[in-house]
C-alpha atoms as a PDB file:
ATOM      1  CA  ALA A   1      42.740 138.160  31.764  1.00  0.00           C
ATOM      2  CA  SER A   2      42.975 141.615  33.282  1.00  0.00           C
ATOM      3  CA  VAL A   3      41.752 145.140  32.598  1.00  0.00           C
ATOM      4  CA  GLY A   4      44.684 147.529  32.309  1.00  0.00           C
ATOM      5  CA  SER A   5      48.315 146.657  31.906  1.00  0.00           C
ATOM      6  CA  THR A   6      51.118 147.647  34.222  1.00  0.00           C
ATOM      7  CA  PRO A   7      54.821 146.814  34.156  1.00  0.00           C
ATOM      8  CA  LEU A   8      54.394 144.887  37.426  1.00  0.00           C
ATOM      9  CA  MET A   9      51.556 142.805  35.975  1.00  0.00           C
ATOM     10  CA  LYS A  10      53.639 141.948  32.902  1.00  0.00           C
ATOM     11  CA  PHE A  11      56.610 141.042  35.139  1.00  0.00           C
ATOM     12  CA  LEU A  12      54.610 138.835  37.507  1.00  0.00           C
ATOM     13  CA  HIS A  13      52.430 137.244  34.817  1.00  0.00           C
ATOM     14  CA  PRO A  14      54.073 137.669  31.383  1.00  0.00           C
ATOM     15  CA  GLU A  15      51.519 135.337  29.776  1.00  0.00           C
ATOM     16  CA  ILE A  16      48.479 137.323  30.930  1.00  0.00           C
ATOM     17  CA  LEU A  17      46.104 138.842  28.395  1.00  0.00           C
ATOM     18  CA  THR A  18      45.074 142.408  29.223  1.00  0.00           C
ATOM     19  CA  VAL A  19      42.483 144.801  27.842  1.00  0.00           C
ATOM     20  CA  ASP A  20      43.226 148.482  27.284  1.00  0.00           C
ATOM     21  CA  PRO A  21      39.797 150.146  27.386  1.00  0.00           C
ATOM     22  CA  GLY A  22      41.163 153.396  25.914  1.00  0.00           C
ATOM     23  CA  TYR A  23      40.600 155.614  28.956  1.00  0.00           C
ATOM     24  CA  ALA A  24      43.480 157.998  28.153  1.00  0.00           C
ATOM     25  CA  GLU A  25      42.343 158.604  24.576  1.00  0.00           C
ATOM     26  CA  SER A  26      38.728 158.937  25.735  1.00  0.00           C
ATOM     27  CA  GLY A  27      39.749 161.665  28.169  1.00  0.00           C
ATOM     28  CA  ARG A  28      41.740 163.556  25.540  1.00  0.00           C
ATOM     29  CA  ARG A  29      38.897 163.397  23.019  1.00  0.00           C
ATOM     30  CA  ALA A  30      36.271 164.401  25.616  1.00  0.00           C
ATOM     31  CA  ALA A  31      38.329 167.399  26.745  1.00  0.00           C
ATOM     32  CA  ARG A  32      38.908 168.507  23.146  1.00  0.00           C
ATOM     33  CA  GLN A  33      35.210 168.188  22.308  1.00  0.00           C
ATOM     34  CA  LEU A  34      34.178 170.082  25.460  1.00  0.00           C
ATOM     35  CA  ILE A  35      36.546 172.955  24.663  1.00  0.00           C
ATOM     36  CA  GLU A  36      35.256 173.069  21.076  1.00  0.00           C
ATOM     37  CA  GLN A  37      31.637 173.093  22.289  1.00  0.00           C
ATOM     38  CA  ILE A  38      32.336 175.900  24.773  1.00  0.00           C
ATOM     39  CA  ALA A  39      33.951 177.869  21.953  1.00  0.00           C
ATOM     40  CA  GLY A  40      30.831 177.236  19.862  1.00  0.00           C
ATOM     41  CA  SER A  41      32.684 175.625  16.987  1.00  0.00           C
ATOM     42  CA  VAL A  42      31.105 172.126  17.043  1.00  0.00           C
ATOM     43  CA  ASP A  43      27.881 170.371  17.930  1.00  0.00           C
ATOM     44  CA  PRO A  44      27.857 167.462  20.392  1.00  0.00           C
ATOM     45  CA  ARG A  45      28.781 164.173  18.749  1.00  0.00           C
ATOM     46  CA  GLN A  46      29.401 160.580  19.742  1.00  0.00           C
ATOM     47  CA  ILE A  47      32.985 159.356  19.587  1.00  0.00           C
ATOM     48  CA  VAL A  48      33.796 155.649  19.880  1.00  0.00           C
ATOM     49  CA  ILE A  49      37.229 154.684  21.170  1.00  0.00           C
ATOM     50  CA  PRO A  50      38.009 151.024  20.472  1.00  0.00           C
ATOM     51  CA  ALA A  51      39.425 148.789  23.182  1.00  0.00           C
ATOM     52  CA  ALA A  52      42.615 146.864  22.466  1.00  0.00           C
ATOM     53  CA  LEU A  53      43.942 143.504  23.616  1.00  0.00           C
ATOM     54  CA  ASN A  54      47.521 143.550  24.857  1.00  0.00           C
END
């Protein structure tokens, strides 16, 4: 098992199971929420991004 998936990892170990923790989506959602909070249009809220097995 591995955290994160890269083309090299899939090439070297095609049978490996990887976990995508959702970092990219977390960053997009955090940036959007921060901009909305600065603009005063939303209150702080918790957002859960699910991890995915690849």
